[in-house]
PDB file of N, CA and C in Angstrom:
ATOM      1  N   MET A   1      36.568  77.536  93.006  1.00  0.00           N
ATOM      2  CA  MET A   1      36.204  76.433  93.893  1.00  0.00           C
ATOM      3  C   MET A   1      37.221  75.321  93.710  1.00  0.00           C
ATOM      4  N   ASP A   2      37.656  74.774  94.793  1.00  0.00           N
ATOM      5  CA  ASP A   2      38.648  73.720  94.797  1.00  0.00           C
ATOM      6  C   ASP A   2      37.991  72.376  94.482  1.00  0.00           C
ATOM      7  N   THR A   3      38.647  71.576  93.657  1.00  0.00           N
ATOM      8  CA  THR A   3      38.090  70.277  93.288  1.00  0.00           C
ATOM      9  C   THR A   3      38.399  69.191  94.320  1.00  0.00           C
ATOM     10  N   LYS A   4      39.107  69.518  95.411  1.00  0.00           N
ATOM     11  CA  LYS A   4      39.483  68.501  96.401  1.00  0.00           C
ATOM     12  C   LYS A   4      38.263  67.816  97.020  1.00  0.00           C
ATOM     13  N   LEU A   5      37.155  68.547  97.190  1.00  0.00           N
ATOM     14  CA  LEU A   5      35.950  67.943  97.767  1.00  0.00           C
ATOM     15  C   LEU A   5      35.368  66.841  96.881  1.00  0.00           C
ATOM     16  N   LEU A   6      35.720  66.844  95.595  1.00  0.00           N
ATOM     17  CA  LEU A   6      35.212  65.813  94.688  1.00  0.00           C
ATOM     18  C   LEU A   6      35.784  64.440  95.009  1.00  0.00           C
ATOM     19  N   GLY A   7      36.884  64.385  95.735  1.00  0.00           N
ATOM     20  CA  GLY A   7      37.480  63.109  96.097  1.00  0.00           C
ATOM     21  C   GLY A   7      36.732  62.387  97.205  1.00  0.00           C
ATOM     22  N   ASP A   8      35.820  63.084  97.880  1.00  0.00           N
ATOM     23  CA  ASP A   8      35.060  62.501  98.992  1.00  0.00           C
ATOM     24  C   ASP A   8      33.742  61.932  98.469  1.00  0.00           C
ATOM     25  N   PRO A   9      33.619  60.592  98.388  1.00  0.00           N
ATOM     26  CA  PRO A   9      32.404  59.996  97.825  1.00  0.00           C
ATOM     27  C   PRO A   9      31.121  60.341  98.582  1.00  0.00           C
ATOM     28  N   GLY A  10      31.235  60.702  99.836  1.00  0.00           N
ATOM     29  CA  GLY A  10      30.054  61.057 100.606  1.00  0.00           C
ATOM     30  C   GLY A  10      29.550  62.455 100.345  1.00  0.00           C
ATOM     31  N   ARG A  11      30.361  63.270  99.683  1.00  0.00           N
ATOM     32  CA  ARG A  11      30.000  64.669  99.440  1.00  0.00           C
ATOM     33  C   ARG A  11      29.739  64.983  97.971  1.00  0.00           C
ATOM     34  N   ARG A  12      29.799  63.972  97.103  1.00  0.00           N
ATOM     35  CA  ARG A  12      29.668  64.261  95.681  1.00  0.00           C
ATOM     36  C   ARG A  12      28.892  63.193  94.929  1.00  0.00           C
ATOM     37  N   VAL A  13      28.421  63.591  93.751  1.00  0.00           N
ATOM     38  CA  VAL A  13      27.860  62.644  92.792  1.00  0.00           C
ATOM     39  C   VAL A  13      28.612  62.837  91.487  1.00  0.00           C
ATOM     40  N   VAL A  14      28.719  61.770  90.710  1.00  0.00           N
ATOM     41  CA  VAL A  14      29.443  61.821  89.440  1.00  0.00           C
ATOM     42  C   VAL A  14      28.521  61.330  88.336  1.00  0.00           C
ATOM     43  N   GLY A  15      28.523  62.050  87.231  1.00  0.00           N
ATOM     44  CA  GLY A  15      27.728  61.646  86.076  1.00  0.00           C
ATOM     45  C   GLY A  15      26.504  62.524  85.893  1.00  0.00           C
ATOM     46  N   ALA A  16      26.052  62.587  84.665  1.00  0.00           N
ATOM     47  CA  ALA A  16      24.935  63.461  84.307  1.00  0.00           C
ATOM     48  C   ALA A  16      23.641  63.057  85.013  1.00  0.00           C
ATOM     49  N   LYS A  17      23.307  61.770  85.002  1.00  0.00           N
ATOM     50  CA  LYS A  17      22.044  61.328  85.596  1.00  0.00           C
ATOM     51  C   LYS A  17      21.996  61.612  87.093  1.00  0.00           C
ATOM     52  N   GLN A  18      23.072  61.278  87.792  1.00  0.00           N
ATOM     53  CA  GLN A  18      23.108  61.492  89.237  1.00  0.00           C
ATOM     54  C   GLN A  18      23.090  62.984  89.573  1.00  0.00           C
ATOM     55  N   THR A  19      23.762  63.785  88.764  1.00  0.00           N
ATOM     56  CA  THR A  19      23.792  65.235  88.997  1.00  0.00           C
ATOM     57  C   THR A  19      22.406  65.842  88.788  1.00  0.00           C
ATOM     58  N   VAL A  20      21.707  65.419  87.733  1.00  0.00           N
ATOM     59  CA  VAL A  20      20.351  65.921  87.474  1.00  0.00           C
ATOM     60  C   VAL A  20      19.419  65.543  88.625  1.00  0.00           C
ATOM     61  N   LYS A  21      19.511  64.308  89.104  1.00  0.00           N
ATOM     62  CA  LYS A  21      18.669  63.881  90.231  1.00  0.00           C
ATOM     63  C   LYS A  21      18.919  64.766  91.452  1.00  0.00           C
ATOM     64  N   ALA A  22      20.192  65.009  91.758  1.00  0.00           N
ATOM     65  CA  ALA A  22      20.533  65.829  92.923  1.00  0.00           C
ATOM     66  C   ALA A  22      20.097  67.282  92.724  1.00  0.00           C
ATOM     67  N   LEU A  23      20.232  67.810  91.500  1.00  0.00           N
ATOM     68  CA  LEU A  23      19.769  69.172  91.216  1.00  0.00           C
ATOM     69  C   LEU A  23      18.261  69.286  91.414  1.00  0.00           C
ATOM     70  N   ASN A  24      17.532  68.295  90.952  1.00  0.00           N
ATOM     71  CA  ASN A  24      16.073  68.319  91.088  1.00  0.00           C
ATOM     72  C   ASN A  24      15.627  68.262  92.539  1.00  0.00           C
ATOM     73  N   LYS A  25      16.459  67.683  93.399  1.00  0.00           N
ATOM     74  CA  LYS A  25      16.140  67.594  94.831  1.00  0.00           C
ATOM     75  C   LYS A  25      16.761  68.749  95.635  1.00  0.00           C
ATOM     76  N   ASP A  26      17.345  69.727  94.931  1.00  0.00           N
ATOM     77  CA  ASP A  26      18.000  70.882  95.568  1.00  0.00           C
ATOM     78  C   ASP A  26      19.068  70.458  96.571  1.00  0.00           C
ATOM     79  N   GLN A  27      19.860  69.450  96.204  1.00  0.00           N
ATOM     80  CA  GLN A  27      20.911  68.946  97.081  1.00  0.00           C
ATOM     81  C   GLN A  27      22.307  69.403  96.669  1.00  0.00           C
ATOM     82  N   VAL A  28      22.411  70.194  95.598  1.00  0.00           N
ATOM     83  CA  VAL A  28      23.716  70.507  95.015  1.00  0.00           C
ATOM     84  C   VAL A  28      24.220  71.881  95.429  1.00  0.00           C
ATOM     85  N   GLN A  29      25.494  71.901  95.822  1.00  0.00           N
ATOM     86  CA  GLN A  29      26.177  73.154  96.147  1.00  0.00           C
ATOM     87  C   GLN A  29      26.892  73.707  94.916  1.00  0.00           C
ATOM     88  N   THR A  30      27.655  72.842  94.237  1.00  0.00           N
ATOM     89  CA  THR A  30      28.462  73.250  93.086  1.00  0.00           C
ATOM     90  C   THR A  30      28.468  72.144  92.046  1.00  0.00           C
ATOM     91  N   VAL A  31      28.392  72.534  90.770  1.00  0.00           N
ATOM     92  CA  VAL A  31      28.474  71.570  89.669  1.00  0.00           C
ATOM     93  C   VAL A  31      29.751  71.844  88.886  1.00  0.00           C
ATOM     94  N   PHE A  32      30.464  70.770  88.553  1.00  0.00           N
ATOM     95  CA  PHE A  32      31.666  70.841  87.731  1.00  0.00           C
ATOM     96  C   PHE A  32      31.353  70.211  86.384  1.00  0.00           C
ATOM     97  N   VAL A  33      31.690  70.911  85.298  1.00  0.00           N
ATOM     98  CA  VAL A  33      31.413  70.441  83.944  1.00  0.00           C
ATOM     99  C   VAL A  33      32.721  70.431  83.151  1.00  0.00           C
ATOM    100  N   ALA A  34      32.990  69.326  82.475  1.00  0.00           N
ATOM    101  CA  ALA A  34      34.172  69.226  81.622  1.00  0.00           C
ATOM    102  C   ALA A  34      33.904  69.969  80.316  1.00  0.00           C
ATOM    103  N   GLU A  35      34.832  70.832  79.939  1.00  0.00           N
ATOM    104  CA  GLU A  35      34.651  71.640  78.726  1.00  0.00           C
ATOM    105  C   GLU A  35      34.692  70.808  77.451  1.00  0.00           C
ATOM    106  N   ASP A  36      35.344  69.633  77.496  1.00  0.00           N
ATOM    107  CA  ASP A  36      35.426  68.804  76.292  1.00  0.00           C
ATOM    108  C   ASP A  36      34.314  67.751  76.219  1.00  0.00           C
ATOM    109  N   ALA A  37      33.367  67.817  77.134  1.00  0.00           N
ATOM    110  CA  ALA A  37      32.237  66.875  77.119  1.00  0.00           C
ATOM    111  C   ALA A  37      31.212  67.306  76.069  1.00  0.00           C
ATOM    112  N   ASP A  38      30.408  66.366  75.624  1.00  0.00           N
ATOM    113  CA  ASP A  38      29.372  66.610  74.622  1.00  0.00           C
ATOM    114  C   ASP A  38      28.325  67.577  75.180  1.00  0.00           C
ATOM    115  N   LEU A  39      28.042  68.627  74.441  1.00  0.00           N
ATOM    116  CA  LEU A  39      27.087  69.648  74.877  1.00  0.00           C
ATOM    117  C   LEU A  39      25.672  69.075  75.027  1.00  0.00           C
ATOM    118  N   ARG A  40      25.372  67.987  74.315  1.00  0.00           N
ATOM    119  CA  ARG A  40      24.061  67.349  74.485  1.00  0.00           C
ATOM    120  C   ARG A  40      23.907  66.781  75.891  1.00  0.00           C
ATOM    121  N   VAL A  41      25.031  66.426  76.510  1.00  0.00           N
ATOM    122  CA  VAL A  41      25.012  65.907  77.878  1.00  0.00           C
ATOM    123  C   VAL A  41      25.040  67.056  78.888  1.00  0.00           C
ATOM    124  N   THR A  42      25.930  68.007  78.661  1.00  0.00           N
ATOM    125  CA  THR A  42      26.139  69.064  79.651  1.00  0.00           C
ATOM    126  C   THR A  42      25.176  70.241  79.522  1.00  0.00           C
ATOM    127  N   GLY A  43      24.662  70.486  78.338  1.00  0.00           N
ATOM    128  CA  GLY A  43      23.788  71.640  78.104  1.00  0.00           C
ATOM    129  C   GLY A  43      22.596  71.728  79.048  1.00  0.00           C
ATOM    130  N   PRO A  44      21.813  70.653  79.181  1.00  0.00           N
ATOM    131  CA  PRO A  44      20.662  70.709  80.087  1.00  0.00           C
ATOM    132  C   PRO A  44      21.067  70.921  81.550  1.00  0.00           C
ATOM    133  N   ILE A  45      22.212  70.394  81.927  1.00  0.00           N
ATOM    134  CA  ILE A  45      22.685  70.556  83.307  1.00  0.00           C
ATOM    135  C   ILE A  45      23.120  71.998  83.551  1.00  0.00           C
ATOM    136  N   ILE A  46      23.805  72.581  82.582  1.00  0.00           N
ATOM    137  CA  ILE A  46      24.211  73.989  82.694  1.00  0.00           C
ATOM    138  C   ILE A  46      22.963  74.872  82.816  1.00  0.00           C
ATOM    139  N   ALA A  47      21.949  74.588  81.999  1.00  0.00           N
ATOM    140  CA  ALA A  47      20.704  75.367  82.052  1.00  0.00           C
ATOM    141  C   ALA A  47      20.020  75.220  83.410  1.00  0.00           C
ATOM    142  N   LYS A  48      20.001  74.003  83.960  1.00  0.00           N
ATOM    143  CA  LYS A  48      19.374  73.748  85.256  1.00  0.00           C
ATOM    144  C   LYS A  48      20.127  74.482  86.369  1.00  0.00           C
ATOM    145  N   CYS A  49      21.450  74.550  86.270  1.00  0.00           N
ATOM    146  CA  CYS A  49      22.249  75.284  87.264  1.00  0.00           C
ATOM    147  C   CYS A  49      21.902  76.770  87.236  1.00  0.00           C
ATOM    148  N   LYS A  50      21.775  77.332  86.041  1.00  0.00           N
ATOM    149  CA  LYS A  50      21.418  78.749  85.917  1.00  0.00           C
ATOM    150  C   LYS A  50      20.022  78.999  86.478  1.00  0.00           C
ATOM    151  N   GLU A  51      19.112  78.091  86.179  1.00  0.00           N
ATOM    152  CA  GLU A  51      17.727  78.210  86.648  1.00  0.00           C
ATOM    153  C   GLU A  51      17.658  78.188  88.178  1.00  0.00           C
ATOM    154  N   LYS A  52      18.460  77.325  88.797  1.00  0.00           N
ATOM    155  CA  LYS A  52      18.412  77.152  90.241  1.00  0.00           C
ATOM    156  C   LYS A  52      19.441  77.998  90.990  1.00  0.00           C
ATOM    157  N   GLY A  53      20.282  78.730  90.264  1.00  0.00           N
ATOM    158  CA  GLY A  53      21.287  79.567  90.903  1.00  0.00           C
ATOM    159  C   GLY A  53      22.408  78.769  91.556  1.00  0.00           C
ATOM    160  N   VAL A  54      22.737  77.612  90.977  1.00  0.00           N
ATOM    161  CA  VAL A  54      23.806  76.758  91.508  1.00  0.00           C
ATOM    162  C   VAL A  54      25.130  77.154  90.857  1.00  0.00           C
ATOM    163  N   GLU A  55      26.182  77.224  91.664  1.00  0.00           N
ATOM    164  CA  GLU A  55      27.511  77.577  91.153  1.00  0.00           C
ATOM    165  C   GLU A  55      27.964  76.546  90.127  1.00  0.00           C
ATOM    166  N   LEU A  56      28.511  77.029  89.011  1.00  0.00           N
ATOM    167  CA  LEU A  56      28.976  76.172  87.926  1.00  0.00           C
ATOM    168  C   LEU A  56      30.459  76.436  87.699  1.00  0.00           C
ATOM    169  N   VAL A  57      31.261  75.370  87.708  1.00  0.00           N
ATOM    170  CA  VAL A  57      32.702  75.488  87.507  1.00  0.00           C
ATOM    171  C   VAL A  57      33.075  74.641  86.303  1.00  0.00           C
ATOM    172  N   LYS A  58      33.831  75.221  85.386  1.00  0.00           N
ATOM    173  CA  LYS A  58      34.270  74.477  84.204  1.00  0.00           C
ATOM    174  C   LYS A  58      35.663  73.912  84.450  1.00  0.00           C
ATOM    175  N   VAL A  59      35.820  72.650  84.060  1.00  0.00           N
ATOM    176  CA  VAL A  59      37.094  71.940  84.163  1.00  0.00           C
ATOM    177  C   VAL A  59      37.532  71.658  82.728  1.00  0.00           C
ATOM    178  N   PRO A  60      38.829  71.834  82.407  1.00  0.00           N
ATOM    179  CA  PRO A  60      39.260  71.701  81.010  1.00  0.00           C
ATOM    180  C   PRO A  60      38.916  70.374  80.328  1.00  0.00           C
ATOM    181  N   THR A  61      39.117  69.233  81.007  1.00  0.00           N
ATOM    182  CA  THR A  61      38.894  67.954  80.330  1.00  0.00           C
ATOM    183  C   THR A  61      38.136  66.966  81.203  1.00  0.00           C
ATOM    184  N   MET A  62      37.518  65.997  80.536  1.00  0.00           N
ATOM    185  CA  MET A  62      36.804  64.931  81.237  1.00  0.00           C
ATOM    186  C   MET A  62      37.770  64.099  82.073  1.00  0.00           C
ATOM    187  N   SER A  63      38.981  63.876  81.551  1.00  0.00           N
ATOM    188  CA  SER A  63      39.944  63.068  82.302  1.00  0.00           C
ATOM    189  C   SER A  63      40.373  63.781  83.581  1.00  0.00           C
ATOM    190  N   GLU A  64      40.531  65.102  83.531  1.00  0.00           N
ATOM    191  CA  GLU A  64      40.871  65.865  84.742  1.00  0.00           C
ATOM    192  C   GLU A  64      39.742  65.781  85.770  1.00  0.00           C
ATOM    193  N   LEU A  65      38.505  65.881  85.309  1.00  0.00           N
ATOM    194  CA  LEU A  65      37.364  65.810  86.225  1.00  0.00           C
ATOM    195  C   LEU A  65      37.250  64.414  86.823  1.00  0.00           C
ATOM    196  N   GLY A  66      37.460  63.394  86.015  1.00  0.00           N
ATOM    197  CA  GLY A  66      37.442  62.028  86.525  1.00  0.00           C
ATOM    198  C   GLY A  66      38.524  61.803  87.574  1.00  0.00           C
ATOM    199  N   ALA A  67      39.717  62.320  87.315  1.00  0.00           N
ATOM    200  CA  ALA A  67      40.817  62.179  88.271  1.00  0.00           C
ATOM    201  C   ALA A  67      40.494  62.911  89.573  1.00  0.00           C
ATOM    202  N   ALA A  68      39.878  64.088  89.476  1.00  0.00           N
ATOM    203  CA  ALA A  68      39.502  64.844  90.679  1.00  0.00           C
ATOM    204  C   ALA A  68      38.473  64.074  91.508  1.00  0.00           C
ATOM    205  N   CYS A  69      37.678  63.243  90.836  1.00  0.00           N
ATOM    206  CA  CYS A  69      36.661  62.437  91.516  1.00  0.00           C
ATOM    207  C   CYS A  69      37.211  61.084  91.975  1.00  0.00           C
ATOM    208  N   SER A  70      38.499  60.870  91.767  1.00  0.00           N
ATOM    209  CA  SER A  70      39.166  59.612  92.144  1.00  0.00           C
ATOM    210  C   SER A  70      38.572  58.408  91.431  1.00  0.00           C
ATOM    211  N   ILE A  71      38.222  58.597  90.145  1.00  0.00           N
ATOM    212  CA  ILE A  71      37.746  57.471  89.340  1.00  0.00           C
ATOM    213  C   ILE A  71      38.705  57.275  88.174  1.00  0.00           C
ATOM    214  N   GLN A  72      38.696  56.084  87.598  1.00  0.00           N
ATOM    215  CA  GLN A  72      39.663  55.709  86.567  1.00  0.00           C
ATOM    216  C   GLN A  72      39.254  56.137  85.158  1.00  0.00           C
ATOM    217  N   VAL A  73      38.064  56.683  85.011  1.00  0.00           N
ATOM    218  CA  VAL A  73      37.572  57.106  83.694  1.00  0.00           C
ATOM    219  C   VAL A  73      37.236  58.597  83.733  1.00  0.00           C
ATOM    220  N   GLY A  74      37.028  59.169  82.563  1.00  0.00           N
ATOM    221  CA  GLY A  74      36.646  60.566  82.494  1.00  0.00           C
ATOM    222  C   GLY A  74      35.216  60.779  82.969  1.00  0.00           C
ATOM    223  N   ALA A  75      34.935  62.000  83.357  1.00  0.00           N
ATOM    224  CA  ALA A  75      33.570  62.361  83.788  1.00  0.00           C
ATOM    225  C   ALA A  75      33.181  63.650  83.104  1.00  0.00           C
ATOM    226  N   ALA A  76      31.971  63.690  82.565  1.00  0.00           N
ATOM    227  CA  ALA A  76      31.472  64.898  81.926  1.00  0.00           C
ATOM    228  C   ALA A  76      30.994  65.905  82.974  1.00  0.00           C
ATOM    229  N   VAL A  77      30.389  65.370  84.046  1.00  0.00           N
ATOM    230  CA  VAL A  77      29.776  66.219  85.065  1.00  0.00           C
ATOM    231  C   VAL A  77      29.962  65.580  86.438  1.00  0.00           C
ATOM    232  N   ALA A  78      30.159  66.434  87.434  1.00  0.00           N
ATOM    233  CA  ALA A  78      30.173  65.980  88.829  1.00  0.00           C
ATOM    234  C   ALA A  78      29.634  67.122  89.672  1.00  0.00           C
ATOM    235  N   ALA A  79      29.157  66.801  90.862  1.00  0.00           N
ATOM    236  CA  ALA A  79      28.593  67.829  91.725  1.00  0.00           C
ATOM    237  C   ALA A  79      28.983  67.591  93.170  1.00  0.00           C
ATOM    238  N   ILE A  80      29.214  68.684  93.886  1.00  0.00           N
ATOM    239  CA  ILE A  80      29.419  68.631  95.332  1.00  0.00           C
ATOM    240  C   ILE A  80      28.068  68.867  95.967  1.00  0.00           C
ATOM    241  N   LEU A  81      27.720  68.000  96.898  1.00  0.00           N
ATOM    242  CA  LEU A  81      26.429  68.081  97.566  1.00  0.00           C
ATOM    243  C   LEU A  81      26.483  69.059  98.733  1.00  0.00           C
ATOM    244  N   LYS A  82      25.339  69.631  99.031  1.00  0.00           N
ATOM    245  CA  LYS A  82      25.228  70.516 100.192  1.00  0.00           C
ATOM    246  C   LYS A  82      25.432  69.710 101.460  1.00  0.00           C
ATOM    247  N   ASP A  83      25.866  70.387 102.527  1.00  0.00           N
ATOM    248  CA  ASP A  83      25.981  69.724 103.828  1.00  0.00           C
ATOM    249  C   ASP A  83      24.591  69.305 104.276  1.00  0.00           C
ATOM    250  N   SER A  84      24.487  68.101 104.787  1.00  0.00           N
ATOM    251  CA  SER A  84      23.166  67.598 105.211  1.00  0.00           C
ATOM    252  C   SER A  84      22.706  68.258 106.468  1.00  0.00           C
TER     253      SER A  84
END
């Protein structure tokens, strides 16, 4: 899955809390998780993706994921939302 869609603020959410909210509302198409993020943050999200059958993509670093989301800081988790 291409990370280019993460640059569109209308199609994505960034951060663990926002991703969990969107997962709970069945609004997520794909979740991106940084491999260097704390497992206490990403573990529950990975489990929720498996439970709901949501595509999970691993990104090597938080800084790479943050850059893909067009933000100045690293991100542990981001998600592309389903088309409305």
